[in-house]
Amino acid sequence: MKPLEVEDAVVEYRVPGRARVRAVAGVSLDVAAGEVLGLVGESGCGKSSLGRAIVGLNPLDSGRILIDGRPLAPLGRRARPVADRAVQMVFQDPYSSLNPRRRVGRQIRDAITGGNGSARVGELLESVGLPASSASRFPHQFSGGQRQRIAIARALASEPRVIVADEPVSALDASTRLHVAGLLSETATSRGVALLMISHDLSGLRVIAHRIAVMYFGRIVEIGPTDAVWSDPRHPYTRTLIGAIPRLGRDAQMPAEPGRRETVAVSDEDARLVECAPGHFVAAEALVAS
């Protein structure tokens, strides 16, 4: 049993006067304790919709989200049950994910169960590289990278089994991105937390993720060990993503702008993941095409 298991998850959006939009089309994946799974794909592919469904913010139209083998209830108006706090999310924007009117210590304290909360707040802040005295300050008194560290500390306060990080470094400057991403990865590994790291930056995920899952038009088209996906991509879309990464050097070619991709209709049989190497899976359509 793994901390996070997603089984045939489907998320659809209803738009008045238009056909329903299927953002997530039957995704299945799992993340082990202490593992970092990178979920990569271009904007609009369904990454964030899947991430929000995993934490209960988006209702599933079908499928299941299992946390330690137990189905996760959708988030409603009432307070979330303590057992469901085992899954937490770190959002993309550290400026809007914290309440600007409350001291950061109080915001972290809200997620702590039991007594001795003040001491625990200090420990959590120090674990993400901030002094315990930061608890008395307001979010506007911190930089973007520091705010994201506070958001991570808040996510850790409930001692989660699963963390979903949705583009957690995209709003930060280049000098702090690697530090915050590394902090998330090290925290997951040391605490035995299953971390789903959502990003559009495949090169950034290469540094911290144990496995990579590639999402395309609402489906997982390739998933496997990071080195295998990077060095031997089997799906054409994975190769497109890798080819779009700028190369360094005076003679390096700049990536060409890809043509506009129309929505691709793929049958369930063609979307079925097939093992092409140990632990490395790709959509059946890619094997047929090759």
C-alpha atoms as a PDB file:
ATOM      1  CA  MET A   1       0.000   0.000   0.000  1.00  0.00           C
ATOM      2  CA  LYS A   2       1.358   3.399  -1.006  1.00  0.00           C
ATOM      3  CA  PRO A   3       0.497   6.762   0.582  1.00  0.00           C
ATOM      4  CA  LEU A   4      -1.020   8.071  -2.668  1.00  0.00           C
ATOM      5  CA  GLU A   5      -2.902   6.051  -5.253  1.00  0.00           C
ATOM      6  CA  VAL A   6      -4.971   7.574  -8.049  1.00  0.00           C
ATOM      7  CA  GLU A   7      -7.314   5.210  -9.893  1.00  0.00           C
ATOM      8  CA  ASP A   8      -8.876   6.217 -13.225  1.00  0.00           C
ATOM      9  CA  ALA A   9      -9.436   9.825 -12.131  1.00  0.00           C
ATOM     10  CA  VAL A  10     -11.737  11.893 -14.363  1.00  0.00           C
ATOM     11  CA  VAL A  11     -12.339  15.620 -13.869  1.00  0.00           C
ATOM     12  CA  GLU A  12     -14.751  17.551 -16.060  1.00  0.00           C
ATOM     13  CA  TYR A  13     -15.781  21.202 -16.092  1.00  0.00           C
ATOM     14  CA  ARG A  14     -19.246  22.330 -17.034  1.00  0.00           C
ATOM     15  CA  VAL A  15     -19.359  25.515 -19.126  1.00  0.00           C
ATOM     16  CA  PRO A  16     -22.816  27.083 -19.701  1.00  0.00           C
ATOM     17  CA  GLY A  17     -23.845  26.800 -23.334  1.00  0.00           C
ATOM     18  CA  ARG A  18     -20.936  24.562 -24.252  1.00  0.00           C
ATOM     19  CA  ALA A  19     -20.016  20.911 -24.094  1.00  0.00           C
ATOM     20  CA  ARG A  20     -18.342  19.701 -20.909  1.00  0.00           C
ATOM     21  CA  VAL A  21     -14.558  19.979 -20.885  1.00  0.00           C
ATOM     22  CA  ARG A  22     -12.697  16.861 -19.752  1.00  0.00           C
ATOM     23  CA  ALA A  23      -9.528  18.153 -18.099  1.00  0.00           C
ATOM     24  CA  VAL A  24      -8.408  14.810 -16.630  1.00  0.00           C
ATOM     25  CA  ALA A  25      -9.266  11.747 -18.689  1.00  0.00           C
ATOM     26  CA  GLY A  26      -8.772   8.599 -16.640  1.00  0.00           C
ATOM     27  CA  VAL A  27      -5.412   9.094 -14.926  1.00  0.00           C
ATOM     28  CA  SER A  28      -3.914   6.391 -12.712  1.00  0.00           C
ATOM     29  CA  LEU A  29      -0.664   6.806 -10.782  1.00  0.00           C
ATOM     30  CA  ASP A  30       0.859   6.187  -7.359  1.00  0.00           C
ATOM     31  CA  VAL A  31       3.582   7.716  -5.201  1.00  0.00           C
ATOM     32  CA  ALA A  32       5.541   5.791  -2.560  1.00  0.00           C
ATOM     33  CA  ALA A  33       6.636   7.091   0.837  1.00  0.00           C
ATOM     34  CA  GLY A  34       9.724   9.274   0.472  1.00  0.00           C
ATOM     35  CA  GLU A  35       9.353   9.381  -3.304  1.00  0.00           C
ATOM     36  CA  VAL A  36       9.185  12.478  -5.509  1.00  0.00           C
ATOM     37  CA  LEU A  37       7.043  12.000  -8.614  1.00  0.00           C
ATOM     38  CA  GLY A  38       7.326  14.842 -11.106  1.00  0.00           C
ATOM     39  CA  LEU A  39       4.205  15.567 -13.166  1.00  0.00           C
ATOM     40  CA  VAL A  40       5.104  17.560 -16.260  1.00  0.00           C
ATOM     41  CA  GLY A  41       3.203  18.956 -19.228  1.00  0.00           C
ATOM     42  CA  GLU A  42       2.338  22.203 -20.961  1.00  0.00           C
ATOM     43  CA  SER A  43      -0.234  24.684 -19.681  1.00  0.00           C
ATOM     44  CA  GLY A  44      -3.773  23.387 -20.062  1.00  0.00           C
ATOM     45  CA  CYS A  45      -2.888  19.699 -20.085  1.00  0.00           C
ATOM     46  CA  GLY A  46      -4.732  19.016 -16.803  1.00  0.00           C
ATOM     47  CA  LYS A  47      -1.843  18.940 -14.316  1.00  0.00           C
ATOM     48  CA  SER A  48      -3.327  21.422 -11.849  1.00  0.00           C
ATOM     49  CA  SER A  49      -6.820  19.957 -12.222  1.00  0.00           C
ATOM     50  CA  LEU A  50      -5.432  16.572 -11.215  1.00  0.00           C
ATOM     51  CA  GLY A  51      -3.457  18.059  -8.326  1.00  0.00           C
ATOM     52  CA  ARG A  52      -6.503  19.880  -6.976  1.00  0.00           C
ATOM     53  CA  ALA A  53      -8.574  16.705  -7.292  1.00  0.00           C
ATOM     54  CA  ILE A  54      -6.002  14.764  -5.269  1.00  0.00           C
ATOM     55  CA  VAL A  55      -6.364  17.164  -2.327  1.00  0.00           C
ATOM     56  CA  GLY A  56     -10.165  17.289  -2.698  1.00  0.00           C
ATOM     57  CA  LEU A  57     -10.525  20.801  -4.142  1.00  0.00           C
ATOM     58  CA  ASN A  58     -11.835  19.509  -7.487  1.00  0.00           C
ATOM     59  CA  PRO A  59     -14.580  16.858  -7.305  1.00  0.00           C
ATOM     60  CA  LEU A  60     -13.988  13.707  -9.322  1.00  0.00           C
ATOM     61  CA  ASP A  61     -16.554  12.783 -11.954  1.00  0.00           C
ATOM     62  CA  SER A  62     -15.325   9.205 -11.664  1.00  0.00           C
ATOM     63  CA  GLY A  63     -12.384   7.296 -10.235  1.00  0.00           C
ATOM     64  CA  ARG A  64     -10.855   7.314  -6.750  1.00  0.00           C
ATOM     65  CA  ILE A  65      -8.156   9.020  -4.725  1.00  0.00           C
ATOM     66  CA  LEU A  66      -6.705   6.767  -2.015  1.00  0.00           C
ATOM     67  CA  ILE A  67      -4.578   8.024   0.866  1.00  0.00           C
ATOM     68  CA  ASP A  68      -2.947   5.059   2.615  1.00  0.00           C
ATOM     69  CA  GLY A  69      -5.619   2.879   1.011  1.00  0.00           C
ATOM     70  CA  ARG A  70      -8.517   4.994   2.278  1.00  0.00           C
ATOM     71  CA  PRO A  71     -10.727   6.992  -0.114  1.00  0.00           C
ATOM     72  CA  LEU A  72     -10.367  10.759   0.279  1.00  0.00           C
ATOM     73  CA  ALA A  73     -13.612  12.674   0.749  1.00  0.00           C
ATOM     74  CA  PRO A  74     -14.160  15.802  -1.404  1.00  0.00           C
ATOM     75  CA  LEU A  75     -13.586  19.061   0.420  1.00  0.00           C
ATOM     76  CA  GLY A  76     -16.875  20.663   1.480  1.00  0.00           C
ATOM     77  CA  ARG A  77     -17.991  23.667   3.501  1.00  0.00           C
ATOM     78  CA  ARG A  78     -17.307  21.985   6.821  1.00  0.00           C
ATOM     79  CA  ALA A  79     -13.878  21.571   8.356  1.00  0.00           C
ATOM     80  CA  ARG A  80     -11.912  18.712   6.884  1.00  0.00           C
ATOM     81  CA  PRO A  81     -11.745  15.588   9.090  1.00  0.00           C
ATOM     82  CA  VAL A  82      -8.420  15.193  10.878  1.00  0.00           C
ATOM     83  CA  ALA A  83      -7.682  11.951   9.003  1.00  0.00           C
ATOM     84  CA  ASP A  84      -8.002  13.741   5.657  1.00  0.00           C
ATOM     85  CA  ARG A  85      -5.369  16.298   6.653  1.00  0.00           C
ATOM     86  CA  ALA A  86      -2.845  13.622   5.718  1.00  0.00           C
ATOM     87  CA  VAL A  87      -2.815  15.223   2.255  1.00  0.00           C
ATOM     88  CA  GLN A  88      -1.643  18.832   1.915  1.00  0.00           C
ATOM     89  CA  MET A  89      -0.972  21.223  -0.941  1.00  0.00           C
ATOM     90  CA  VAL A  90       1.666  23.856  -1.610  1.00  0.00           C
ATOM     91  CA  PHE A  91       0.222  26.340  -4.075  1.00  0.00           C
ATOM     92  CA  GLN A  92       1.923  28.178  -6.900  1.00  0.00           C
ATOM     93  CA  ASP A  93       1.592  31.733  -5.622  1.00  0.00           C
ATOM     94  CA  PRO A  94       3.145  32.360  -2.184  1.00  0.00           C
ATOM     95  CA  TYR A  95       1.662  35.853  -2.197  1.00  0.00           C
ATOM     96  CA  SER A  96      -1.969  34.706  -2.205  1.00  0.00           C
ATOM     97  CA  SER A  97      -1.699  31.377  -0.374  1.00  0.00           C
ATOM     98  CA  LEU A  98      -1.056  33.082   2.977  1.00  0.00           C
ATOM     99  CA  ASN A  99      -3.495  35.313   4.841  1.00  0.00           C
ATOM    100  CA  PRO A 100      -1.934  38.818   4.797  1.00  0.00           C
ATOM    101  CA  ARG A 101      -3.762  39.855   7.989  1.00  0.00           C
ATOM    102  CA  ARG A 102      -2.508  37.068  10.238  1.00  0.00           C
ATOM    103  CA  ARG A 103       0.933  36.435  11.653  1.00  0.00           C
ATOM    104  CA  VAL A 104       2.619  33.446  10.054  1.00  0.00           C
ATOM    105  CA  GLY A 105       2.958  31.646  13.382  1.00  0.00           C
ATOM    106  CA  ARG A 106      -0.817  31.647  13.871  1.00  0.00           C
ATOM    107  CA  GLN A 107      -1.345  30.320  10.354  1.00  0.00           C
ATOM    108  CA  ILE A 108       1.039  27.439  10.959  1.00  0.00           C
ATOM    109  CA  ARG A 109      -0.387  26.818  14.432  1.00  0.00           C
ATOM    110  CA  ASP A 110      -3.874  26.250  12.960  1.00  0.00           C
ATOM    111  CA  ALA A 111      -2.696  23.011  11.360  1.00  0.00           C
ATOM    112  CA  ILE A 112      -1.039  21.593  14.478  1.00  0.00           C
ATOM    113  CA  THR A 113      -3.011  19.141  16.597  1.00  0.00           C
ATOM    114  CA  GLY A 114      -2.279  18.717  20.273  1.00  0.00           C
ATOM    115  CA  GLY A 115      -0.473  20.970  22.724  1.00  0.00           C
ATOM    116  CA  ASN A 116       2.912  22.725  22.710  1.00  0.00           C
ATOM    117  CA  GLY A 117       1.997  24.463  19.467  1.00  0.00           C
ATOM    118  CA  SER A 118       4.321  27.442  19.866  1.00  0.00           C
ATOM    119  CA  ALA A 119       7.405  25.263  20.192  1.00  0.00           C
ATOM    120  CA  ARG A 120       6.278  23.175  17.230  1.00  0.00           C
ATOM    121  CA  VAL A 121       5.828  26.317  15.105  1.00  0.00           C
ATOM    122  CA  GLY A 122       9.405  27.325  15.843  1.00  0.00           C
ATOM    123  CA  GLU A 123      10.675  23.851  14.923  1.00  0.00           C
ATOM    124  CA  LEU A 124       8.799  23.893  11.618  1.00  0.00           C
ATOM    125  CA  LEU A 125      10.115  27.334  10.676  1.00  0.00           C
ATOM    126  CA  GLU A 126      13.676  26.296  11.487  1.00  0.00           C
ATOM    127  CA  SER A 127      13.226  23.087   9.462  1.00  0.00           C
ATOM    128  CA  VAL A 128      12.606  25.195   6.338  1.00  0.00           C
ATOM    129  CA  GLY A 129      15.520  27.517   6.998  1.00  0.00           C
ATOM    130  CA  LEU A 130      13.787  30.399   8.777  1.00  0.00           C
ATOM    131  CA  PRO A 131      14.368  31.584  12.369  1.00  0.00           C
ATOM    132  CA  ALA A 132      11.725  30.728  14.944  1.00  0.00           C
ATOM    133  CA  SER A 133      11.247  34.466  15.540  1.00  0.00           C
ATOM    134  CA  SER A 134       9.613  34.684  12.100  1.00  0.00           C
ATOM    135  CA  ALA A 135       6.396  33.452  13.720  1.00  0.00           C
ATOM    136  CA  SER A 136       5.595  36.951  14.979  1.00  0.00           C
ATOM    137  CA  ARG A 137       5.835  38.607  11.556  1.00  0.00           C
ATOM    138  CA  PHE A 138       3.284  39.101   8.780  1.00  0.00           C
ATOM    139  CA  PRO A 139       3.574  37.618   5.248  1.00  0.00           C
ATOM    140  CA  HIS A 140       4.337  40.989   3.613  1.00  0.00           C
ATOM    141  CA  GLN A 141       7.545  41.185   5.655  1.00  0.00           C
ATOM    142  CA  PHE A 142       9.057  38.245   3.757  1.00  0.00           C
ATOM    143  CA  SER A 143      10.406  37.747   0.253  1.00  0.00           C
ATOM    144  CA  GLY A 144       8.702  35.434  -2.230  1.00  0.00           C
ATOM    145  CA  GLY A 145      11.082  32.572  -1.516  1.00  0.00           C
ATOM    146  CA  GLN A 146      10.624  32.992   2.240  1.00  0.00           C
ATOM    147  CA  ARG A 147       6.841  33.000   1.839  1.00  0.00           C
ATOM    148  CA  GLN A 148       7.017  29.724  -0.033  1.00  0.00           C
ATOM    149  CA  ARG A 149       9.135  28.269   2.765  1.00  0.00           C
ATOM    150  CA  ILE A 150       6.419  29.355   5.207  1.00  0.00           C
ATOM    151  CA  ALA A 151       3.824  27.645   3.012  1.00  0.00           C
ATOM    152  CA  ILE A 152       5.893  24.453   3.151  1.00  0.00           C
ATOM    153  CA  ALA A 153       6.145  24.702   6.939  1.00  0.00           C
ATOM    154  CA  ARG A 154       2.375  25.116   7.126  1.00  0.00           C
ATOM    155  CA  ALA A 155       1.873  22.045   4.933  1.00  0.00           C
ATOM    156  CA  LEU A 156       4.185  20.026   7.205  1.00  0.00           C
ATOM    157  CA  ALA A 157       2.393  21.139  10.378  1.00  0.00           C
ATOM    158  CA  SER A 158      -0.265  18.438  10.112  1.00  0.00           C
ATOM    159  CA  GLU A 159       2.413  15.748   9.552  1.00  0.00           C
ATOM    160  CA  PRO A 160       1.048  14.789   6.127  1.00  0.00           C
ATOM    161  CA  ARG A 161       1.542  11.524   4.309  1.00  0.00           C
ATOM    162  CA  VAL A 162       1.117  13.219   0.897  1.00  0.00           C
ATOM    163  CA  ILE A 163       2.070  16.674  -0.383  1.00  0.00           C
ATOM    164  CA  VAL A 164       0.953  18.027  -3.758  1.00  0.00           C
ATOM    165  CA  ALA A 165       3.148  20.924  -4.879  1.00  0.00           C
ATOM    166  CA  ASP A 166       1.553  22.785  -7.799  1.00  0.00           C
ATOM    167  CA  GLU A 167       4.218  24.791  -9.638  1.00  0.00           C
ATOM    168  CA  PRO A 168       5.680  25.852  -6.259  1.00  0.00           C
ATOM    169  CA  VAL A 169       8.719  27.646  -7.701  1.00  0.00           C
ATOM    170  CA  SER A 170       7.381  29.217 -10.903  1.00  0.00           C
ATOM    171  CA  ALA A 171       6.573  32.529  -9.163  1.00  0.00           C
ATOM    172  CA  LEU A 172      10.066  32.788  -7.645  1.00  0.00           C
ATOM    173  CA  ASP A 173      13.221  34.304  -9.057  1.00  0.00           C
ATOM    174  CA  ALA A 174      15.790  31.999 -10.587  1.00  0.00           C
ATOM    175  CA  SER A 175      18.208  32.234  -7.656  1.00  0.00           C
ATOM    176  CA  THR A 176      15.713  30.760  -5.173  1.00  0.00           C
ATOM    177  CA  ARG A 177      13.928  28.200  -7.350  1.00  0.00           C
ATOM    178  CA  LEU A 178      16.484  25.449  -6.892  1.00  0.00           C
ATOM    179  CA  HIS A 179      16.703  26.057  -3.126  1.00  0.00           C
ATOM    180  CA  VAL A 180      12.937  25.782  -2.589  1.00  0.00           C
ATOM    181  CA  ALA A 181      12.581  22.780  -4.913  1.00  0.00           C
ATOM    182  CA  GLY A 182      15.486  21.070  -3.157  1.00  0.00           C
ATOM    183  CA  LEU A 183      13.925  21.810   0.229  1.00  0.00           C
ATOM    184  CA  LEU A 184      10.673  20.122  -0.838  1.00  0.00           C
ATOM    185  CA  SER A 185      12.529  17.100  -2.180  1.00  0.00           C
ATOM    186  CA  GLU A 186      14.760  16.720   0.886  1.00  0.00           C
ATOM    187  CA  THR A 187      11.781  17.132   3.206  1.00  0.00           C
ATOM    188  CA  ALA A 188       9.819  14.416   1.436  1.00  0.00           C
ATOM    189  CA  THR A 189      12.742  12.011   1.454  1.00  0.00           C
ATOM    190  CA  SER A 190      13.700  12.584   5.095  1.00  0.00           C
ATOM    191  CA  ARG A 191      10.135  12.487   6.453  1.00  0.00           C
ATOM    192  CA  GLY A 192       8.829   9.649   4.286  1.00  0.00           C
ATOM    193  CA  VAL A 193       6.252  11.872   2.591  1.00  0.00           C
ATOM    194  CA  ALA A 194       4.907  11.090  -0.876  1.00  0.00           C
ATOM    195  CA  LEU A 195       5.508  14.242  -2.952  1.00  0.00           C
ATOM    196  CA  LEU A 196       3.755  14.960  -6.253  1.00  0.00           C
ATOM    197  CA  MET A 197       5.672  17.835  -7.837  1.00  0.00           C
ATOM    198  CA  ILE A 198       3.720  19.521 -10.649  1.00  0.00           C
ATOM    199  CA  SER A 199       5.701  21.575 -13.130  1.00  0.00           C
ATOM    200  CA  HIS A 200       6.031  22.572 -16.769  1.00  0.00           C
ATOM    201  CA  ASP A 201       9.831  22.567 -16.375  1.00  0.00           C
ATOM    202  CA  LEU A 202      11.155  19.123 -17.210  1.00  0.00           C
ATOM    203  CA  SER A 203      14.780  20.147 -16.710  1.00  0.00           C
ATOM    204  CA  GLY A 204      13.997  21.355 -13.180  1.00  0.00           C
ATOM    205  CA  LEU A 205      12.249  18.108 -12.295  1.00  0.00           C
ATOM    206  CA  ARG A 206      15.205  16.132 -13.573  1.00  0.00           C
ATOM    207  CA  VAL A 207      17.260  17.320 -10.590  1.00  0.00           C
ATOM    208  CA  ILE A 208      14.819  16.369  -7.800  1.00  0.00           C
ATOM    209  CA  ALA A 209      12.316  13.748  -9.038  1.00  0.00           C
ATOM    210  CA  HIS A 210      12.769   9.990  -8.722  1.00  0.00           C
ATOM    211  CA  ARG A 211      10.200   9.386 -11.473  1.00  0.00           C
ATOM    212  CA  ILE A 212       8.612  11.539 -14.170  1.00  0.00           C
ATOM    213  CA  ALA A 213       5.025  11.348 -15.433  1.00  0.00           C
ATOM    214  CA  VAL A 214       4.267  13.179 -18.680  1.00  0.00           C
ATOM    215  CA  MET A 215       0.716  14.495 -19.128  1.00  0.00           C
ATOM    216  CA  TYR A 216      -0.798  15.332 -22.510  1.00  0.00           C
ATOM    217  CA  PHE A 217      -4.413  16.365 -23.127  1.00  0.00           C
ATOM    218  CA  GLY A 218      -5.592  15.021 -19.775  1.00  0.00           C
ATOM    219  CA  ARG A 219      -3.820  11.658 -19.929  1.00  0.00           C
ATOM    220  CA  ILE A 220      -0.515  10.228 -18.744  1.00  0.00           C
ATOM    221  CA  VAL A 221       1.362   9.287 -21.915  1.00  0.00           C
ATOM    222  CA  GLU A 222       4.676   8.249 -20.334  1.00  0.00           C
ATOM    223  CA  ILE A 223       5.916   7.506 -16.834  1.00  0.00           C
ATOM    224  CA  GLY A 224       9.140   6.032 -15.560  1.00  0.00           C
ATOM    225  CA  PRO A 225      12.445   6.624 -13.762  1.00  0.00           C
ATOM    226  CA  THR A 226      13.723  10.137 -14.374  1.00  0.00           C
ATOM    227  CA  ASP A 227      16.954   9.062 -16.083  1.00  0.00           C
ATOM    228  CA  ALA A 228      15.086   6.644 -18.364  1.00  0.00           C
ATOM    229  CA  VAL A 229      12.484   9.194 -19.444  1.00  0.00           C
ATOM    230  CA  TRP A 230      15.176  11.810 -20.019  1.00  0.00           C
ATOM    231  CA  SER A 231      17.690   9.645 -21.880  1.00  0.00           C
ATOM    232  CA  ASP A 232      15.251   7.383 -23.743  1.00  0.00           C
ATOM    233  CA  PRO A 233      11.884   9.146 -24.197  1.00  0.00           C
ATOM    234  CA  ARG A 234       9.403   6.843 -25.924  1.00  0.00           C
ATOM    235  CA  HIS A 235       6.425   9.130 -26.574  1.00  0.00           C
ATOM    236  CA  PRO A 236       6.626  11.831 -29.294  1.00  0.00           C
ATOM    237  CA  TYR A 237       5.274  14.457 -26.899  1.00  0.00           C
ATOM    238  CA  THR A 238       7.995  13.678 -24.332  1.00  0.00           C
ATOM    239  CA  ARG A 239      10.587  14.115 -27.052  1.00  0.00           C
ATOM    240  CA  THR A 240       8.978  17.444 -27.980  1.00  0.00           C
ATOM    241  CA  LEU A 241       9.225  18.663 -24.378  1.00  0.00           C
ATOM    242  CA  ILE A 242      12.881  17.682 -24.122  1.00  0.00           C
ATOM    243  CA  GLY A 243      13.628  19.226 -27.514  1.00  0.00           C
ATOM    244  CA  ALA A 244      12.095  22.524 -26.397  1.00  0.00           C
ATOM    245  CA  ILE A 245      14.619  22.956 -23.575  1.00  0.00           C
ATOM    246  CA  PRO A 246      17.177  25.659 -24.525  1.00  0.00           C
ATOM    247  CA  ARG A 247      20.754  24.425 -24.808  1.00  0.00           C
ATOM    248  CA  LEU A 248      23.767  26.385 -23.575  1.00  0.00           C
ATOM    249  CA  GLY A 249      26.744  27.298 -25.704  1.00  0.00           C
ATOM    250  CA  ARG A 250      27.579  29.689 -28.523  1.00  0.00           C
ATOM    251  CA  ASP A 251      26.774  27.122 -31.216  1.00  0.00           C
ATOM    252  CA  ALA A 252      23.676  25.696 -29.544  1.00  0.00           C
ATOM    253  CA  GLN A 253      20.489  25.949 -31.575  1.00  0.00           C
ATOM    254  CA  MET A 254      17.520  27.738 -30.094  1.00  0.00           C
ATOM    255  CA  PRO A 255      14.435  25.539 -29.978  1.00  0.00           C
ATOM    256  CA  ALA A 256      11.982  26.144 -32.795  1.00  0.00           C
ATOM    257  CA  GLU A 257       8.497  27.311 -31.905  1.00  0.00           C
ATOM    258  CA  PRO A 258       6.247  24.229 -32.034  1.00  0.00           C
ATOM    259  CA  GLY A 259       3.200  24.284 -34.253  1.00  0.00           C
ATOM    260  CA  ARG A 260      -0.195  24.698 -32.680  1.00  0.00           C
ATOM    261  CA  ARG A 261      -1.496  21.371 -31.431  1.00  0.00           C
ATOM    262  CA  GLU A 262      -5.167  20.609 -31.796  1.00  0.00           C
ATOM    263  CA  THR A 263      -7.047  18.485 -29.281  1.00  0.00           C
ATOM    264  CA  VAL A 264      -6.190  14.842 -29.843  1.00  0.00           C
ATOM    265  CA  ALA A 265      -8.880  12.197 -29.494  1.00  0.00           C
ATOM    266  CA  VAL A 266      -7.312   8.921 -28.354  1.00  0.00           C
ATOM    267  CA  SER A 267      -9.197   5.725 -27.616  1.00  0.00           C
ATOM    268  CA  ASP A 268      -8.898   4.077 -24.227  1.00  0.00           C
ATOM    269  CA  GLU A 269      -7.048   1.192 -25.845  1.00  0.00           C
ATOM    270  CA  ASP A 270      -4.467   3.477 -27.474  1.00  0.00           C
ATOM    271  CA  ALA A 271      -4.061   5.432 -24.210  1.00  0.00           C
ATOM    272  CA  ARG A 272      -3.358   2.260 -22.236  1.00  0.00           C
ATOM    273  CA  LEU A 273       0.110   2.352 -20.643  1.00  0.00           C
ATOM    274  CA  VAL A 274       2.417  -0.466 -21.696  1.00  0.00           C
ATOM    275  CA  GLU A 275       5.725  -1.329 -20.034  1.00  0.00           C
ATOM    276  CA  CYS A 276       8.526  -0.728 -22.533  1.00  0.00           C
ATOM    277  CA  ALA A 277      11.405  -1.175 -20.049  1.00  0.00           C
ATOM    278  CA  PRO A 278      11.591  -2.048 -16.345  1.00  0.00           C
ATOM    279  CA  GLY A 279       9.429   0.528 -14.564  1.00  0.00           C
ATOM    280  CA  HIS A 280       9.104   2.610 -17.753  1.00  0.00           C
ATOM    281  CA  PHE A 281       5.596   2.852 -19.285  1.00  0.00           C
ATOM    282  CA  VAL A 282       4.334   4.573 -22.397  1.00  0.00           C
ATOM    283  CA  ALA A 283       0.957   4.935 -24.084  1.00  0.00           C
ATOM    284  CA  ALA A 284       0.240   2.073 -26.496  1.00  0.00           C
ATOM    285  CA  GLU A 285      -0.258   4.542 -29.363  1.00  0.00           C
ATOM    286  CA  ALA A 286       3.438   5.468 -29.209  1.00  0.00           C
ATOM    287  CA  LEU A 287       4.532   1.846 -29.586  1.00  0.00           C
ATOM    288  CA  VAL A 288       2.231   1.373 -32.567  1.00  0.00           C
ATOM    289  CA  ALA A 289       3.557   4.557 -34.199  1.00  0.00           C
ATOM    290  CA  SER A 290       7.151   3.437 -33.772  1.00  0.00           C
END
